[in-house]
Amino acid sequence: MHPDGVLVAGCQLLEQPGDIEANSRSLVSAASIAAGAGATIICFPEAYLQGYVVDEKLTAPLALSVDSSPIKQLCRALEDIEATIVTGFIEKAGDDIYNSALVIRRGQVLGTYRKSYLLPGEKRVFAAGQDYPIFEADGLIFGVNICFDLQFAEAAAGVAGQGATLLVCPCNNMLRTHTAEDFKHKHNAIRADRCRETGLWLLSADVTGARDGRISYGPTAVIDPAGHVVAQAPLNVEGSVTHTISA
């Protein structure tokens, strides 16, 4: 690890539900900018490649296997980016569909994490993951939780128990307007509890924008092991956040 620590980045973006090509272009563009600024780990929102589509009829056709053509195309587009990319996607594996995170470095898939705690509506569509794989980037060990996972201490503990320093969290809080208003300052408080419990740093990335009576403010942020928000992207605008963390 660099003596000054590792620069991490979270990208707060609009999503285009069902448009894998458009979301992939946005991901590659944002990753290029963040990596150009020196970021070693770059996080994108939950289910970002396809958009957060949770519908028994619509989700399955969008699901992608890790060796599918769109994933291979994305990997080729990321070959020249040295940073480790973590992005949410809807994964097809055998007969199951998962709400997953894909971890890519220099165009190579390092692995996936599958969301283990599912919302009631998600349980009709997704299978639950069982494992908490860990990854390494520039000497920093990290694992992944996805959005609703962060409500449960066990999910963060599953990463911390393997010697990780950082919890990377793709999120998607496109909520009905009244719920979004109620929760827009609560998300970080919940995440901060996981940091204090585990001693982990936390990097999140969320979508933003509004559609169909729903809105996402974010937040996309970095939280330190004491539970302090040390960096955050402005709410309800596209942007990114960076911060240097150390072991």
C-alpha atoms as a PDB file:
ATOM      1  CA  MET A   1       0.000   0.000   0.000  1.00  0.00           C
ATOM      2  CA  HIS A   2       1.186   3.517  -0.767  1.00  0.00           C
ATOM      3  CA  PRO A   3       2.421   5.178   2.439  1.00  0.00           C
ATOM      4  CA  ASP A   4      -0.121   7.967   2.010  1.00  0.00           C
ATOM      5  CA  GLY A   5      -2.985   5.493   1.638  1.00  0.00           C
ATOM      6  CA  VAL A   6      -5.306   4.500  -1.194  1.00  0.00           C
ATOM      7  CA  LEU A   7      -7.537   6.959  -3.052  1.00  0.00           C
ATOM      8  CA  VAL A   8     -11.072   5.601  -3.457  1.00  0.00           C
ATOM      9  CA  ALA A   9     -13.933   7.046  -5.489  1.00  0.00           C
ATOM     10  CA  GLY A  10     -17.708   6.692  -5.516  1.00  0.00           C
ATOM     11  CA  CYS A  11     -19.675   7.726  -8.604  1.00  0.00           C
ATOM     12  CA  GLN A  12     -23.207   9.107  -8.211  1.00  0.00           C
ATOM     13  CA  LEU A  13     -24.908   8.761 -11.588  1.00  0.00           C
ATOM     14  CA  LEU A  14     -28.179   8.731 -13.442  1.00  0.00           C
ATOM     15  CA  GLU A  15     -29.237   5.260 -14.557  1.00  0.00           C
ATOM     16  CA  GLN A  16     -31.094   4.240 -17.684  1.00  0.00           C
ATOM     17  CA  PRO A  17     -33.286   1.241 -16.753  1.00  0.00           C
ATOM     18  CA  GLY A  18     -32.962  -1.511 -19.323  1.00  0.00           C
ATOM     19  CA  ASP A  19     -30.277   0.261 -21.375  1.00  0.00           C
ATOM     20  CA  ILE A  20     -27.097  -1.723 -20.797  1.00  0.00           C
ATOM     21  CA  GLU A  21     -25.162   0.080 -23.514  1.00  0.00           C
ATOM     22  CA  ALA A  22     -25.920   3.564 -22.169  1.00  0.00           C
ATOM     23  CA  ASN A  23     -25.125   2.600 -18.585  1.00  0.00           C
ATOM     24  CA  SER A  24     -21.886   0.922 -19.675  1.00  0.00           C
ATOM     25  CA  ARG A  25     -20.809   4.061 -21.531  1.00  0.00           C
ATOM     26  CA  SER A  26     -21.494   6.198 -18.474  1.00  0.00           C
ATOM     27  CA  LEU A  27     -19.579   3.763 -16.273  1.00  0.00           C
ATOM     28  CA  VAL A  28     -16.511   3.729 -18.525  1.00  0.00           C
ATOM     29  CA  SER A  29     -16.507   7.522 -18.797  1.00  0.00           C
ATOM     30  CA  ALA A  30     -16.790   8.056 -15.036  1.00  0.00           C
ATOM     31  CA  ALA A  31     -14.211   5.347 -14.322  1.00  0.00           C
ATOM     32  CA  SER A  32     -11.749   6.984 -16.724  1.00  0.00           C
ATOM     33  CA  ILE A  33     -12.117  10.330 -14.979  1.00  0.00           C
ATOM     34  CA  ALA A  34     -11.786   8.872 -11.477  1.00  0.00           C
ATOM     35  CA  ALA A  35      -8.792   6.716 -12.415  1.00  0.00           C
ATOM     36  CA  GLY A  36      -7.196   9.710 -14.097  1.00  0.00           C
ATOM     37  CA  ALA A  37      -7.460  11.514 -10.754  1.00  0.00           C
ATOM     38  CA  GLY A  38      -5.576   8.659  -9.103  1.00  0.00           C
ATOM     39  CA  ALA A  39      -8.385   6.500  -7.700  1.00  0.00           C
ATOM     40  CA  THR A  40      -7.424   2.895  -7.011  1.00  0.00           C
ATOM     41  CA  ILE A  41     -10.923   1.584  -6.172  1.00  0.00           C
ATOM     42  CA  ILE A  42     -14.006   2.998  -7.914  1.00  0.00           C
ATOM     43  CA  CYS A  43     -17.562   2.123  -6.846  1.00  0.00           C
ATOM     44  CA  PHE A  44     -20.723   2.375  -8.951  1.00  0.00           C
ATOM     45  CA  PRO A  45     -24.363   1.973  -7.858  1.00  0.00           C
ATOM     46  CA  GLU A  46     -26.420  -1.145  -7.243  1.00  0.00           C
ATOM     47  CA  ALA A  47     -27.648  -2.924 -10.403  1.00  0.00           C
ATOM     48  CA  TYR A  48     -26.104  -0.099 -12.426  1.00  0.00           C
ATOM     49  CA  LEU A  49     -25.372  -1.967 -15.652  1.00  0.00           C
ATOM     50  CA  GLN A  50     -29.018  -2.808 -16.314  1.00  0.00           C
ATOM     51  CA  GLY A  51     -30.647  -0.351 -13.960  1.00  0.00           C
ATOM     52  CA  TYR A  52     -32.509  -1.397 -10.842  1.00  0.00           C
ATOM     53  CA  VAL A  53     -35.329  -3.368 -12.470  1.00  0.00           C
ATOM     54  CA  VAL A  54     -37.149  -5.643 -10.039  1.00  0.00           C
ATOM     55  CA  ASP A  55     -40.058  -7.197 -11.875  1.00  0.00           C
ATOM     56  CA  GLU A  56     -40.714 -10.896 -12.359  1.00  0.00           C
ATOM     57  CA  LYS A  57     -41.313 -10.422 -16.104  1.00  0.00           C
ATOM     58  CA  LEU A  58     -38.757  -7.715 -16.889  1.00  0.00           C
ATOM     59  CA  THR A  59     -35.725  -8.626 -14.780  1.00  0.00           C
ATOM     60  CA  ALA A  60     -34.901 -12.062 -16.200  1.00  0.00           C
ATOM     61  CA  PRO A  61     -34.379 -10.877 -19.807  1.00  0.00           C
ATOM     62  CA  LEU A  62     -31.901  -8.260 -18.557  1.00  0.00           C
ATOM     63  CA  ALA A  63     -29.836 -10.652 -16.421  1.00  0.00           C
ATOM     64  CA  LEU A  64     -26.273 -11.271 -17.617  1.00  0.00           C
ATOM     65  CA  SER A  65     -23.872 -14.101 -16.942  1.00  0.00           C
ATOM     66  CA  VAL A  66     -20.297 -13.108 -16.135  1.00  0.00           C
ATOM     67  CA  ASP A  67     -19.168 -14.541 -19.472  1.00  0.00           C
ATOM     68  CA  SER A  68     -21.903 -12.817 -21.519  1.00  0.00           C
ATOM     69  CA  SER A  69     -21.103 -10.584 -24.472  1.00  0.00           C
ATOM     70  CA  PRO A  70     -22.082  -7.279 -22.747  1.00  0.00           C
ATOM     71  CA  ILE A  71     -19.826  -8.069 -19.782  1.00  0.00           C
ATOM     72  CA  LYS A  72     -16.966  -8.993 -22.111  1.00  0.00           C
ATOM     73  CA  GLN A  73     -17.480  -5.736 -24.003  1.00  0.00           C
ATOM     74  CA  LEU A  74     -17.421  -3.771 -20.764  1.00  0.00           C
ATOM     75  CA  CYS A  75     -14.228  -5.504 -19.703  1.00  0.00           C
ATOM     76  CA  ARG A  76     -12.562  -4.637 -23.017  1.00  0.00           C
ATOM     77  CA  ALA A  77     -13.557  -0.999 -22.563  1.00  0.00           C
ATOM     78  CA  LEU A  78     -11.919  -1.019 -19.103  1.00  0.00           C
ATOM     79  CA  GLU A  79      -8.665  -2.724 -20.138  1.00  0.00           C
ATOM     80  CA  ASP A  80      -6.607   0.479 -20.003  1.00  0.00           C
ATOM     81  CA  ILE A  81      -7.952   1.578 -16.615  1.00  0.00           C
ATOM     82  CA  GLU A  82      -5.683   0.425 -13.800  1.00  0.00           C
ATOM     83  CA  ALA A  83      -8.217   0.973 -11.021  1.00  0.00           C
ATOM     84  CA  THR A  84     -10.363  -1.773  -9.552  1.00  0.00           C
ATOM     85  CA  ILE A  85     -14.005  -1.246 -10.551  1.00  0.00           C
ATOM     86  CA  VAL A  86     -16.939  -2.417  -8.414  1.00  0.00           C
ATOM     87  CA  THR A  87     -20.333  -2.103 -10.062  1.00  0.00           C
ATOM     88  CA  GLY A  88     -23.757  -3.492  -9.398  1.00  0.00           C
ATOM     89  CA  PHE A  89     -25.382  -5.704 -12.036  1.00  0.00           C
ATOM     90  CA  ILE A  90     -28.162  -8.245 -12.403  1.00  0.00           C
ATOM     91  CA  GLU A  91     -26.447 -11.617 -12.659  1.00  0.00           C
ATOM     92  CA  LYS A  92     -27.655 -14.802 -14.320  1.00  0.00           C
ATOM     93  CA  ALA A  93     -26.039 -17.958 -12.921  1.00  0.00           C
ATOM     94  CA  GLY A  94     -27.597 -21.270 -13.880  1.00  0.00           C
ATOM     95  CA  ASP A  95     -31.304 -21.107 -13.127  1.00  0.00           C
ATOM     96  CA  ASP A  96     -30.886 -18.298 -10.589  1.00  0.00           C
ATOM     97  CA  ILE A  97     -30.801 -14.507 -10.823  1.00  0.00           C
ATOM     98  CA  TYR A  98     -28.807 -12.476  -8.312  1.00  0.00           C
ATOM     99  CA  ASN A  99     -28.473  -8.833  -7.360  1.00  0.00           C
ATOM    100  CA  SER A 100     -24.694  -8.797  -7.612  1.00  0.00           C
ATOM    101  CA  ALA A 101     -21.580  -6.678  -7.690  1.00  0.00           C
ATOM    102  CA  LEU A 102     -18.954  -7.268 -10.346  1.00  0.00           C
ATOM    103  CA  VAL A 103     -15.289  -6.616  -9.528  1.00  0.00           C
ATOM    104  CA  ILE A 104     -13.072  -5.816 -12.548  1.00  0.00           C
ATOM    105  CA  ARG A 105      -9.424  -4.799 -12.876  1.00  0.00           C
ATOM    106  CA  ARG A 106      -7.659  -4.061 -16.182  1.00  0.00           C
ATOM    107  CA  GLY A 107     -10.431  -5.754 -18.081  1.00  0.00           C
ATOM    108  CA  GLN A 108     -10.379  -8.935 -16.017  1.00  0.00           C
ATOM    109  CA  VAL A 109     -13.241 -10.121 -13.795  1.00  0.00           C
ATOM    110  CA  LEU A 110     -11.831 -10.736 -10.320  1.00  0.00           C
ATOM    111  CA  GLY A 111     -15.101 -12.064  -8.929  1.00  0.00           C
ATOM    112  CA  THR A 112     -18.614 -11.218  -7.832  1.00  0.00           C
ATOM    113  CA  TYR A 113     -20.512 -10.596  -4.625  1.00  0.00           C
ATOM    114  CA  ARG A 114     -24.199 -11.544  -4.414  1.00  0.00           C
ATOM    115  CA  LYS A 115     -26.525  -9.503  -2.195  1.00  0.00           C
ATOM    116  CA  SER A 116     -27.361 -11.583   0.839  1.00  0.00           C
ATOM    117  CA  TYR A 117     -30.200  -9.580   2.442  1.00  0.00           C
ATOM    118  CA  LEU A 118     -33.073  -8.990   0.043  1.00  0.00           C
ATOM    119  CA  LEU A 119     -36.053  -6.665   0.267  1.00  0.00           C
ATOM    120  CA  PRO A 120     -39.473  -8.366   0.108  1.00  0.00           C
ATOM    121  CA  GLY A 121     -39.955  -7.417  -3.550  1.00  0.00           C
ATOM    122  CA  GLU A 122     -36.468  -8.610  -4.419  1.00  0.00           C
ATOM    123  CA  LYS A 123     -37.132 -12.053  -2.952  1.00  0.00           C
ATOM    124  CA  ARG A 124     -39.653 -12.703  -5.726  1.00  0.00           C
ATOM    125  CA  VAL A 125     -36.926 -12.149  -8.322  1.00  0.00           C
ATOM    126  CA  PHE A 126     -33.484 -12.773  -6.842  1.00  0.00           C
ATOM    127  CA  ALA A 127     -31.791 -15.623  -5.034  1.00  0.00           C
ATOM    128  CA  ALA A 128     -29.812 -14.618  -1.941  1.00  0.00           C
ATOM    129  CA  GLY A 129     -26.039 -14.827  -1.857  1.00  0.00           C
ATOM    130  CA  GLN A 130     -24.301 -16.815   0.853  1.00  0.00           C
ATOM    131  CA  ASP A 131     -20.673 -15.689   0.779  1.00  0.00           C
ATOM    132  CA  TYR A 132     -18.601 -12.583   1.477  1.00  0.00           C
ATOM    133  CA  PRO A 133     -15.602 -12.754  -0.888  1.00  0.00           C
ATOM    134  CA  ILE A 134     -12.753 -10.350  -0.291  1.00  0.00           C
ATOM    135  CA  PHE A 135     -10.491  -8.635  -2.797  1.00  0.00           C
ATOM    136  CA  GLU A 136      -7.214  -6.717  -2.752  1.00  0.00           C
ATOM    137  CA  ALA A 137      -6.227  -3.497  -4.503  1.00  0.00           C
ATOM    138  CA  ASP A 138      -2.856  -1.806  -3.962  1.00  0.00           C
ATOM    139  CA  GLY A 139      -2.429  -3.687  -0.686  1.00  0.00           C
ATOM    140  CA  LEU A 140      -5.885  -2.750   0.599  1.00  0.00           C
ATOM    141  CA  ILE A 141      -8.260  -5.608   1.398  1.00  0.00           C
ATOM    142  CA  PHE A 142     -11.947  -4.930   0.794  1.00  0.00           C
ATOM    143  CA  GLY A 143     -15.295  -6.680   0.581  1.00  0.00           C
ATOM    144  CA  VAL A 144     -18.733  -5.724  -0.661  1.00  0.00           C
ATOM    145  CA  ASN A 145     -22.193  -5.161   0.796  1.00  0.00           C
ATOM    146  CA  ILE A 146     -25.107  -4.041  -1.410  1.00  0.00           C
ATOM    147  CA  CYS A 147     -27.620  -1.436  -0.198  1.00  0.00           C
ATOM    148  CA  PHE A 148     -30.145  -3.254   2.066  1.00  0.00           C
ATOM    149  CA  ASP A 149     -27.309  -5.484   3.338  1.00  0.00           C
ATOM    150  CA  LEU A 150     -26.205  -2.436   5.313  1.00  0.00           C
ATOM    151  CA  GLN A 151     -29.256  -2.725   7.557  1.00  0.00           C
ATOM    152  CA  PHE A 152     -27.744  -5.908   8.997  1.00  0.00           C
ATOM    153  CA  ALA A 153     -24.635  -6.035  11.180  1.00  0.00           C
ATOM    154  CA  GLU A 154     -23.956  -9.605  10.055  1.00  0.00           C
ATOM    155  CA  ALA A 155     -23.273  -8.558   6.457  1.00  0.00           C
ATOM    156  CA  ALA A 156     -20.546  -6.069   7.379  1.00  0.00           C
ATOM    157  CA  ALA A 157     -19.166  -8.492   9.941  1.00  0.00           C
ATOM    158  CA  GLY A 158     -18.849 -11.110   7.212  1.00  0.00           C
ATOM    159  CA  VAL A 159     -16.367  -8.824   5.479  1.00  0.00           C
ATOM    160  CA  ALA A 160     -14.589  -7.505   8.582  1.00  0.00           C
ATOM    161  CA  GLY A 161     -13.972 -11.026   9.880  1.00  0.00           C
ATOM    162  CA  GLN A 162     -11.678 -11.711   6.945  1.00  0.00           C
ATOM    163  CA  GLY A 163      -9.237  -8.923   7.705  1.00  0.00           C
ATOM    164  CA  ALA A 164     -10.653  -6.281   5.395  1.00  0.00           C
ATOM    165  CA  THR A 165     -10.097  -2.560   5.824  1.00  0.00           C
ATOM    166  CA  LEU A 166     -12.809  -1.270   3.498  1.00  0.00           C
ATOM    167  CA  LEU A 167     -16.467  -2.047   2.808  1.00  0.00           C
ATOM    168  CA  VAL A 168     -17.496  -1.098  -0.752  1.00  0.00           C
ATOM    169  CA  CYS A 169     -21.232  -0.525  -1.099  1.00  0.00           C
ATOM    170  CA  PRO A 170     -23.143  -0.196  -4.376  1.00  0.00           C
ATOM    171  CA  CYS A 171     -26.535   1.295  -3.449  1.00  0.00           C
ATOM    172  CA  ASN A 172     -29.719   2.307  -5.226  1.00  0.00           C
ATOM    173  CA  ASN A 173     -32.132   4.457  -3.257  1.00  0.00           C
ATOM    174  CA  MET A 174     -34.570   5.392  -6.007  1.00  0.00           C
ATOM    175  CA  LEU A 175     -37.511   5.670  -3.619  1.00  0.00           C
ATOM    176  CA  ARG A 176     -41.015   7.059  -3.626  1.00  0.00           C
ATOM    177  CA  THR A 177     -40.694  10.779  -3.004  1.00  0.00           C
ATOM    178  CA  HIS A 178     -42.033  10.849   0.555  1.00  0.00           C
ATOM    179  CA  THR A 179     -39.793   7.923   1.555  1.00  0.00           C
ATOM    180  CA  ALA A 180     -36.764   9.482  -0.098  1.00  0.00           C
ATOM    181  CA  GLU A 181     -37.355  12.719   1.783  1.00  0.00           C
ATOM    182  CA  ASP A 182     -37.653  10.852   5.063  1.00  0.00           C
ATOM    183  CA  PHE A 183     -34.510   8.783   4.529  1.00  0.00           C
ATOM    184  CA  LYS A 184     -32.136  11.131   2.716  1.00  0.00           C
ATOM    185  CA  HIS A 185     -30.275  11.986   5.939  1.00  0.00           C
ATOM    186  CA  LYS A 186     -30.668   8.539   7.522  1.00  0.00           C
ATOM    187  CA  HIS A 187     -28.716   6.379   5.075  1.00  0.00           C
ATOM    188  CA  ASN A 188     -25.309   7.542   6.266  1.00  0.00           C
ATOM    189  CA  ALA A 189     -26.331   7.162   9.904  1.00  0.00           C
ATOM    190  CA  ILE A 190     -27.180   3.507   9.287  1.00  0.00           C
ATOM    191  CA  ARG A 191     -23.927   2.938   7.416  1.00  0.00           C
ATOM    192  CA  ALA A 192     -21.949   4.672  10.140  1.00  0.00           C
ATOM    193  CA  ASP A 193     -23.217   2.072  12.625  1.00  0.00           C
ATOM    194  CA  ARG A 194     -21.610  -0.649  10.511  1.00  0.00           C
ATOM    195  CA  CYS A 195     -18.308   1.255  10.536  1.00  0.00           C
ATOM    196  CA  ARG A 196     -18.282   1.697  14.311  1.00  0.00           C
ATOM    197  CA  GLU A 197     -19.183  -1.967  14.843  1.00  0.00           C
ATOM    198  CA  THR A 198     -16.498  -3.348  12.551  1.00  0.00           C
ATOM    199  CA  GLY A 199     -13.760  -0.707  12.389  1.00  0.00           C
ATOM    200  CA  LEU A 200     -14.126  -0.657   8.597  1.00  0.00           C
ATOM    201  CA  TRP A 201     -13.975   2.286   6.264  1.00  0.00           C
ATOM    202  CA  LEU A 202     -17.022   2.480   3.988  1.00  0.00           C
ATOM    203  CA  LEU A 203     -17.315   3.684   0.394  1.00  0.00           C
ATOM    204  CA  SER A 204     -20.795   3.978  -1.128  1.00  0.00           C
ATOM    205  CA  ALA A 205     -22.132   4.902  -4.556  1.00  0.00           C
ATOM    206  CA  ASP A 206     -25.768   5.651  -5.319  1.00  0.00           C
ATOM    207  CA  VAL A 207     -27.902   6.676  -8.266  1.00  0.00           C
ATOM    208  CA  THR A 208     -29.532  10.059  -8.498  1.00  0.00           C
ATOM    209  CA  GLY A 209     -32.342  11.692 -10.436  1.00  0.00           C
ATOM    210  CA  ALA A 210     -36.116  11.308 -10.540  1.00  0.00           C
ATOM    211  CA  ARG A 211     -38.629   9.224 -12.510  1.00  0.00           C
ATOM    212  CA  ASP A 212     -42.106   7.744 -12.179  1.00  0.00           C
ATOM    213  CA  GLY A 213     -42.882   9.381  -8.846  1.00  0.00           C
ATOM    214  CA  ARG A 214     -39.566   8.324  -7.353  1.00  0.00           C
ATOM    215  CA  ILE A 215     -36.369  10.197  -6.554  1.00  0.00           C
ATOM    216  CA  SER A 216     -32.859   9.329  -5.399  1.00  0.00           C
ATOM    217  CA  TYR A 217     -30.816  11.934  -3.584  1.00  0.00           C
ATOM    218  CA  GLY A 218     -27.895   9.584  -2.920  1.00  0.00           C
ATOM    219  CA  PRO A 219     -25.888   9.767  -0.742  1.00  0.00           C
ATOM    220  CA  THR A 220     -22.543   8.771  -2.213  1.00  0.00           C
ATOM    221  CA  ALA A 221     -19.990   9.057   0.564  1.00  0.00           C
ATOM    222  CA  VAL A 222     -16.924   7.875   2.420  1.00  0.00           C
ATOM    223  CA  ILE A 223     -17.295   7.094   6.140  1.00  0.00           C
ATOM    224  CA  ASP A 224     -14.361   6.468   8.468  1.00  0.00           C
ATOM    225  CA  PRO A 225     -14.108   3.680  11.076  1.00  0.00           C
ATOM    226  CA  ALA A 226     -15.372   6.025  13.791  1.00  0.00           C
ATOM    227  CA  GLY A 227     -18.576   6.605  11.805  1.00  0.00           C
ATOM    228  CA  HIS A 228     -17.750  10.111  10.571  1.00  0.00           C
ATOM    229  CA  VAL A 229     -18.741  11.131   7.031  1.00  0.00           C
ATOM    230  CA  VAL A 230     -15.422  12.421   5.720  1.00  0.00           C
ATOM    231  CA  ALA A 231     -16.492  13.068   2.132  1.00  0.00           C
ATOM    232  CA  GLN A 232     -19.831  13.175   0.324  1.00  0.00           C
ATOM    233  CA  ALA A 233     -21.089  14.067  -3.121  1.00  0.00           C
ATOM    234  CA  PRO A 234     -23.803  16.752  -3.187  1.00  0.00           C
ATOM    235  CA  LEU A 235     -27.297  15.280  -2.987  1.00  0.00           C
ATOM    236  CA  ASN A 236     -29.460  14.887  -6.083  1.00  0.00           C
ATOM    237  CA  VAL A 237     -26.809  15.757  -8.679  1.00  0.00           C
ATOM    238  CA  GLU A 238     -24.500  13.629 -10.780  1.00  0.00           C
ATOM    239  CA  GLY A 239     -20.978  13.692  -9.436  1.00  0.00           C
ATOM    240  CA  SER A 240     -18.390  11.763  -7.503  1.00  0.00           C
ATOM    241  CA  VAL A 241     -16.554  11.700  -4.210  1.00  0.00           C
ATOM    242  CA  THR A 242     -12.943  10.781  -3.481  1.00  0.00           C
ATOM    243  CA  HIS A 243     -10.992  10.260  -0.314  1.00  0.00           C
ATOM    244  CA  THR A 244      -7.674   8.726   0.690  1.00  0.00           C
ATOM    245  CA  ILE A 245      -7.930   5.901   3.192  1.00  0.00           C
ATOM    246  CA  SER A 246      -5.262   3.887   4.949  1.00  0.00           C
ATOM    247  CA  ALA A 247      -5.043   0.668   6.908  1.00  0.00           C
END
